[in-house]
Amino acid sequence: RVNQLDLRLAKNVRFGGKRTMLSV
């Protein structure tokens, strides 16, 4: 059998009314 797991971790960083999403 072919078993595969994909993961994503993301974090929102807010500063001065703007937003940045950093992810791996």
PDB file of all heavy atoms in Angstrom:
ATOM      1  N   ARG A   1       0.841  -1.204   0.000  1.00  0.00           N
ATOM      2  CA  ARG A   1       0.000   0.000   0.000  1.00  0.00           C
ATOM      3  C   ARG A   1       0.874   1.251   0.000  1.00  0.00           C
ATOM      4  O   ARG A   1       1.974   1.264   0.529  1.00  0.00           O
ATOM      5  CB  ARG A   1      -0.917   0.030   1.220  1.00  0.00           C
ATOM      6  CG  ARG A   1      -2.018  -1.010   1.144  1.00  0.00           C
ATOM      7  CD  ARG A   1      -3.063  -0.794   2.205  1.00  0.00           C
ATOM      8  NE  ARG A   1      -3.879   0.383   1.962  1.00  0.00           N
ATOM      9  CZ  ARG A   1      -4.896   0.429   1.110  1.00  0.00           C
ATOM     10  NH1 ARG A   1      -5.208  -0.616   0.383  1.00  0.00           N
ATOM     11  NH2 ARG A   1      -5.608   1.530   0.964  1.00  0.00           N
ATOM     12  N   VAL A   2       0.337   2.304  -0.579  1.00  0.00           N
ATOM     13  CA  VAL A   2       1.005   3.599  -0.618  1.00  0.00           C
ATOM     14  C   VAL A   2       0.292   4.490   0.396  1.00  0.00           C
ATOM     15  O   VAL A   2      -0.883   4.825   0.218  1.00  0.00           O
ATOM     16  CB  VAL A   2       0.943   4.210  -2.033  1.00  0.00           C
ATOM     17  CG1 VAL A   2       1.580   5.593  -2.050  1.00  0.00           C
ATOM     18  CG2 VAL A   2       1.618   3.285  -3.038  1.00  0.00           C
ATOM     19  N   ASN A   3       0.989   4.844   1.477  1.00  0.00           N
ATOM     20  CA  ASN A   3       0.443   5.711   2.521  1.00  0.00           C
ATOM     21  C   ASN A   3       1.250   6.996   2.539  1.00  0.00           C
ATOM     22  O   ASN A   3       2.478   6.955   2.539  1.00  0.00           O
ATOM     23  CB  ASN A   3       0.529   5.047   3.897  1.00  0.00           C
ATOM     24  CG  ASN A   3      -0.275   3.772   3.953  1.00  0.00           C
ATOM     25  OD1 ASN A   3      -1.436   3.742   3.567  1.00  0.00           O
ATOM     26  ND2 ASN A   3       0.328   2.706   4.424  1.00  0.00           N
ATOM     27  N   GLN A   4       0.552   8.128   2.564  1.00  0.00           N
ATOM     28  CA  GLN A   4       1.258   9.403   2.578  1.00  0.00           C
ATOM     29  C   GLN A   4       0.530  10.398   3.474  1.00  0.00           C
ATOM     30  O   GLN A   4      -0.696  10.484   3.464  1.00  0.00           O
ATOM     31  CB  GLN A   4       1.367   9.969   1.161  1.00  0.00           C
ATOM     32  CG  GLN A   4       2.210  11.223   1.119  1.00  0.00           C
ATOM     33  CD  GLN A   4       2.561  11.643  -0.291  1.00  0.00           C
ATOM     34  OE1 GLN A   4       2.670  10.800  -1.189  1.00  0.00           O
ATOM     35  NE2 GLN A   4       2.726  12.923  -0.508  1.00  0.00           N
ATOM     36  N   LEU A   5       1.321  11.159   4.239  1.00  0.00           N
ATOM     37  CA  LEU A   5       0.794  12.185   5.135  1.00  0.00           C
ATOM     38  C   LEU A   5       1.467  13.505   4.794  1.00  0.00           C
ATOM     39  O   LEU A   5       2.693  13.584   4.736  1.00  0.00           O
ATOM     40  CB  LEU A   5       1.079  11.816   6.601  1.00  0.00           C
ATOM     41  CG  LEU A   5       0.692  12.842   7.653  1.00  0.00           C
ATOM     42  CD1 LEU A   5      -0.831  12.989   7.720  1.00  0.00           C
ATOM     43  CD2 LEU A   5       1.252  12.451   9.009  1.00  0.00           C
ATOM     44  N   ASP A   6       0.653  14.532   4.553  1.00  0.00           N
ATOM     45  CA  ASP A   6       1.158  15.880   4.308  1.00  0.00           C
ATOM     46  C   ASP A   6       0.657  16.769   5.449  1.00  0.00           C
ATOM     47  O   ASP A   6      -0.504  16.675   5.847  1.00  0.00           O
ATOM     48  CB  ASP A   6       0.659  16.426   2.969  1.00  0.00           C
ATOM     49  CG  ASP A   6       1.083  15.563   1.789  1.00  0.00           C
ATOM     50  OD1 ASP A   6       2.155  14.939   1.861  1.00  0.00           O
ATOM     51  OD2 ASP A   6       0.341  15.524   0.787  1.00  0.00           O
ATOM     52  N   LEU A   7       1.530  17.632   5.959  1.00  0.00           N
ATOM     53  CA  LEU A   7       1.183  18.502   7.080  1.00  0.00           C
ATOM     54  C   LEU A   7       1.454  19.960   6.736  1.00  0.00           C
ATOM     55  O   LEU A   7       2.349  20.257   5.941  1.00  0.00           O
ATOM     56  CB  LEU A   7       2.013  18.148   8.327  1.00  0.00           C
ATOM     57  CG  LEU A   7       1.854  16.749   8.896  1.00  0.00           C
ATOM     58  CD1 LEU A   7       2.882  16.520  10.001  1.00  0.00           C
ATOM     59  CD2 LEU A   7       0.448  16.576   9.443  1.00  0.00           C
ATOM     60  N   ARG A   8       0.701  20.850   7.371  1.00  0.00           N
ATOM     61  CA  ARG A   8       0.945  22.289   7.234  1.00  0.00           C
ATOM     62  C   ARG A   8       0.771  22.943   8.595  1.00  0.00           C
ATOM     63  O   ARG A   8      -0.221  22.698   9.283  1.00  0.00           O
ATOM     64  CB  ARG A   8      -0.014  22.916   6.243  1.00  0.00           C
ATOM     65  CG  ARG A   8       0.213  24.420   6.145  1.00  0.00           C
ATOM     66  CD  ARG A   8      -0.604  25.051   5.075  1.00  0.00           C
ATOM     67  NE  ARG A   8       0.152  26.207   4.618  1.00  0.00           N
ATOM     68  CZ  ARG A   8      -0.213  26.979   3.650  1.00  0.00           C
ATOM     69  NH1 ARG A   8      -1.318  26.726   2.990  1.00  0.00           N
ATOM     70  NH2 ARG A   8       0.509  28.007   3.317  1.00  0.00           N
ATOM     71  N   LEU A   9       1.732  23.765   8.945  1.00  0.00           N
ATOM     72  CA  LEU A   9       1.677  24.574  10.156  1.00  0.00           C
ATOM     73  C   LEU A   9       1.785  26.023   9.712  1.00  0.00           C
ATOM     74  O   LEU A   9       2.720  26.388   8.987  1.00  0.00           O
ATOM     75  CB  LEU A   9       2.819  24.222  11.104  1.00  0.00           C
ATOM     76  CG  LEU A   9       2.965  22.736  11.458  1.00  0.00           C
ATOM     77  CD1 LEU A   9       4.275  22.484  12.188  1.00  0.00           C
ATOM     78  CD2 LEU A   9       1.795  22.284  12.295  1.00  0.00           C
ATOM     79  N   ALA A  10       0.826  26.857  10.125  1.00  0.00           N
ATOM     80  CA  ALA A  10       0.820  28.257   9.709  1.00  0.00           C
ATOM     81  C   ALA A  10       0.545  29.148  10.910  1.00  0.00           C
ATOM     82  O   ALA A  10      -0.223  28.786  11.807  1.00  0.00           O
ATOM     83  CB  ALA A  10      -0.237  28.480   8.629  1.00  0.00           C
ATOM     84  N   LYS A  11       1.164  30.318  10.899  1.00  0.00           N
ATOM     85  CA  LYS A  11       1.006  31.275  12.009  1.00  0.00           C
ATOM     86  C   LYS A  11       0.767  32.654  11.427  1.00  0.00           C
ATOM     87  O   LYS A  11       1.486  33.103  10.533  1.00  0.00           O
ATOM     88  CB  LYS A  11       2.283  31.269  12.865  1.00  0.00           C
ATOM     89  CG  LYS A  11       2.384  32.374  13.876  1.00  0.00           C
ATOM     90  CD  LYS A  11       1.487  32.117  15.066  1.00  0.00           C
ATOM     91  CE  LYS A  11       1.729  33.154  16.148  1.00  0.00           C
ATOM     92  NZ  LYS A  11       0.590  33.978  16.418  1.00  0.00           N
ATOM     93  N   ASN A  12      -0.278  33.301  11.909  1.00  0.00           N
ATOM     94  CA  ASN A  12      -0.550  34.689  11.523  1.00  0.00           C
ATOM     95  C   ASN A  12       0.231  35.628  12.424  1.00  0.00           C
ATOM     96  O   ASN A  12       0.222  35.484  13.652  1.00  0.00           O
ATOM     97  CB  ASN A  12      -2.043  35.011  11.631  1.00  0.00           C
ATOM     98  CG  ASN A  12      -2.829  34.484  10.455  1.00  0.00           C
ATOM     99  OD1 ASN A  12      -2.390  34.595   9.311  1.00  0.00           O
ATOM    100  ND2 ASN A  12      -3.988  33.907  10.729  1.00  0.00           N
ATOM    101  N   VAL A  13       0.884  36.589  11.831  1.00  0.00           N
ATOM    102  CA  VAL A  13       1.610  37.626  12.574  1.00  0.00           C
ATOM    103  C   VAL A  13       1.009  38.963  12.149  1.00  0.00           C
ATOM    104  O   VAL A  13       0.989  39.288  10.961  1.00  0.00           O
ATOM    105  CB  VAL A  13       3.130  37.588  12.254  1.00  0.00           C
ATOM    106  CG1 VAL A  13       3.865  38.673  13.013  1.00  0.00           C
ATOM    107  CG2 VAL A  13       3.708  36.214  12.552  1.00  0.00           C
ATOM    108  N   ARG A  14       0.500  39.720  13.123  1.00  0.00           N
ATOM    109  CA  ARG A  14      -0.150  40.993  12.819  1.00  0.00           C
ATOM    110  C   ARG A  14       0.716  42.145  13.316  1.00  0.00           C
ATOM    111  O   ARG A  14       1.301  42.089  14.392  1.00  0.00           O
ATOM    112  CB  ARG A  14      -1.517  41.060  13.487  1.00  0.00           C
ATOM    113  CG  ARG A  14      -2.458  39.967  12.997  1.00  0.00           C
ATOM    114  CD  ARG A  14      -3.804  40.025  13.724  1.00  0.00           C
ATOM    115  NE  ARG A  14      -4.605  38.849  13.464  1.00  0.00           N
ATOM    116  CZ  ARG A  14      -5.313  38.645  12.356  1.00  0.00           C
ATOM    117  NH1 ARG A  14      -5.305  39.547  11.412  1.00  0.00           N
ATOM    118  NH2 ARG A  14      -6.021  37.555  12.203  1.00  0.00           N
ATOM    119  N   PHE A  15       0.770  43.197  12.488  1.00  0.00           N
ATOM    120  CA  PHE A  15       1.521  44.394  12.869  1.00  0.00           C
ATOM    121  C   PHE A  15       0.970  45.596  12.097  1.00  0.00           C
ATOM    122  O   PHE A  15       0.832  45.540  10.872  1.00  0.00           O
ATOM    123  CB  PHE A  15       3.021  44.221  12.606  1.00  0.00           C
ATOM    124  CG  PHE A  15       3.366  43.791  11.221  1.00  0.00           C
ATOM    125  CD1 PHE A  15       3.682  44.730  10.238  1.00  0.00           C
ATOM    126  CD2 PHE A  15       3.366  42.453  10.865  1.00  0.00           C
ATOM    127  CE1 PHE A  15       3.993  44.340   8.955  1.00  0.00           C
ATOM    128  CE2 PHE A  15       3.673  42.049   9.581  1.00  0.00           C
ATOM    129  CZ  PHE A  15       3.979  42.994   8.617  1.00  0.00           C
ATOM    130  N   GLY A  16       0.600  46.624  12.819  1.00  0.00           N
ATOM    131  CA  GLY A  16       0.120  47.868  12.218  1.00  0.00           C
ATOM    132  C   GLY A  16      -1.009  47.709  11.218  1.00  0.00           C
ATOM    133  O   GLY A  16      -0.978  48.330  10.162  1.00  0.00           O
ATOM    134  N   GLY A  17      -2.006  46.897  11.502  1.00  0.00           N
ATOM    135  CA  GLY A  17      -3.134  46.714  10.602  1.00  0.00           C
ATOM    136  C   GLY A  17      -2.836  45.804   9.414  1.00  0.00           C
ATOM    137  O   GLY A  17      -3.677  45.600   8.552  1.00  0.00           O
ATOM    138  N   LYS A  18      -1.647  45.299   9.360  1.00  0.00           N
ATOM    139  CA  LYS A  18      -1.278  44.384   8.285  1.00  0.00           C
ATOM    140  C   LYS A  18      -1.093  42.984   8.862  1.00  0.00           C
ATOM    141  O   LYS A  18      -0.943  42.808  10.062  1.00  0.00           O
ATOM    142  CB  LYS A  18       0.002  44.856   7.605  1.00  0.00           C
ATOM    143  CG  LYS A  18      -0.179  46.209   6.929  1.00  0.00           C
ATOM    144  CD  LYS A  18       1.095  46.707   6.370  1.00  0.00           C
ATOM    145  CE  LYS A  18       0.955  48.019   5.642  1.00  0.00           C
ATOM    146  NZ  LYS A  18       0.186  49.046   6.235  1.00  0.00           N
ATOM    147  N   ARG A  19      -1.125  42.006   7.975  1.00  0.00           N
ATOM    148  CA  ARG A  19      -1.008  40.622   8.441  1.00  0.00           C
ATOM    149  C   ARG A  19      -0.043  39.864   7.544  1.00  0.00           C
ATOM    150  O   ARG A  19      -0.028  40.018   6.327  1.00  0.00           O
ATOM    151  CB  ARG A  19      -2.386  39.962   8.407  1.00  0.00           C
ATOM    152  CG  ARG A  19      -2.401  38.514   8.849  1.00  0.00           C
ATOM    153  CD  ARG A  19      -3.825  37.967   8.876  1.00  0.00           C
ATOM    154  NE  ARG A  19      -4.459  37.991   7.585  1.00  0.00           N
ATOM    155  CZ  ARG A  19      -4.507  36.944   6.739  1.00  0.00           C
ATOM    156  NH1 ARG A  19      -3.970  35.810   7.071  1.00  0.00           N
ATOM    157  NH2 ARG A  19      -5.120  37.056   5.587  1.00  0.00           N
ATOM    158  N   THR A  20       0.740  38.996   8.173  1.00  0.00           N
ATOM    159  CA  THR A  20       1.630  38.097   7.451  1.00  0.00           C
ATOM    160  C   THR A  20       1.365  36.686   7.949  1.00  0.00           C
ATOM    161  O   THR A  20       1.307  36.459   9.156  1.00  0.00           O
ATOM    162  CB  THR A  20       3.114  38.456   7.701  1.00  0.00           C
ATOM    163  OG1 THR A  20       3.344  39.790   7.254  1.00  0.00           O
ATOM    164  CG2 THR A  20       4.031  37.509   6.955  1.00  0.00           C
ATOM    165  N   MET A  21       1.162  35.764   7.006  1.00  0.00           N
ATOM    166  CA  MET A  21       1.005  34.358   7.391  1.00  0.00           C
ATOM    167  C   MET A  21       2.292  33.630   7.021  1.00  0.00           C
ATOM    168  O   MET A  21       2.674  33.559   5.854  1.00  0.00           O
ATOM    169  CB  MET A  21      -0.178  33.694   6.684  1.00  0.00           C
ATOM    170  CG  MET A  21      -0.344  32.229   7.110  1.00  0.00           C
ATOM    171  SD  MET A  21      -1.624  31.344   6.211  1.00  0.00           S
ATOM    172  CE  MET A  21      -3.074  31.988   7.014  1.00  0.00           C
ATOM    173  N   LEU A  22       2.944  33.086   8.032  1.00  0.00           N
ATOM    174  CA  LEU A  22       4.154  32.291   7.841  1.00  0.00           C
ATOM    175  C   LEU A  22       3.756  30.823   7.951  1.00  0.00           C
ATOM    176  O   LEU A  22       3.036  30.441   8.870  1.00  0.00           O
ATOM    177  CB  LEU A  22       5.203  32.636   8.899  1.00  0.00           C
ATOM    178  CG  LEU A  22       5.605  34.110   8.991  1.00  0.00           C
ATOM    179  CD1 LEU A  22       6.494  34.339  10.203  1.00  0.00           C
ATOM    180  CD2 LEU A  22       6.288  34.552   7.716  1.00  0.00           C
ATOM    181  N   SER A  23       4.213  30.009   7.013  1.00  0.00           N
ATOM    182  CA  SER A  23       3.820  28.602   7.059  1.00  0.00           C
ATOM    183  C   SER A  23       4.957  27.700   6.623  1.00  0.00           C
ATOM    184  O   SER A  23       5.873  28.111   5.911  1.00  0.00           O
ATOM    185  CB  SER A  23       2.587  28.356   6.187  1.00  0.00           C
ATOM    186  OG  SER A  23       2.873  28.637   4.842  1.00  0.00           O
ATOM    187  N   VAL A  24       4.859  26.475   7.096  1.00  0.00           N
ATOM    188  CA  VAL A  24       5.772  25.421   6.675  1.00  0.00           C
ATOM    189  C   VAL A  24       4.914  24.220   6.273  1.00  0.00           C
ATOM    190  O   VAL A  24       3.984  23.839   6.980  1.00  0.00           O
ATOM    191  CB  VAL A  24       6.800  25.059   7.773  1.00  0.00           C
ATOM    192  CG1 VAL A  24       6.117  24.569   9.042  1.00  0.00           C
ATOM    193  CG2 VAL A  24       7.793  24.033   7.283  1.00  0.00           C
TER     194      VAL A  24
END
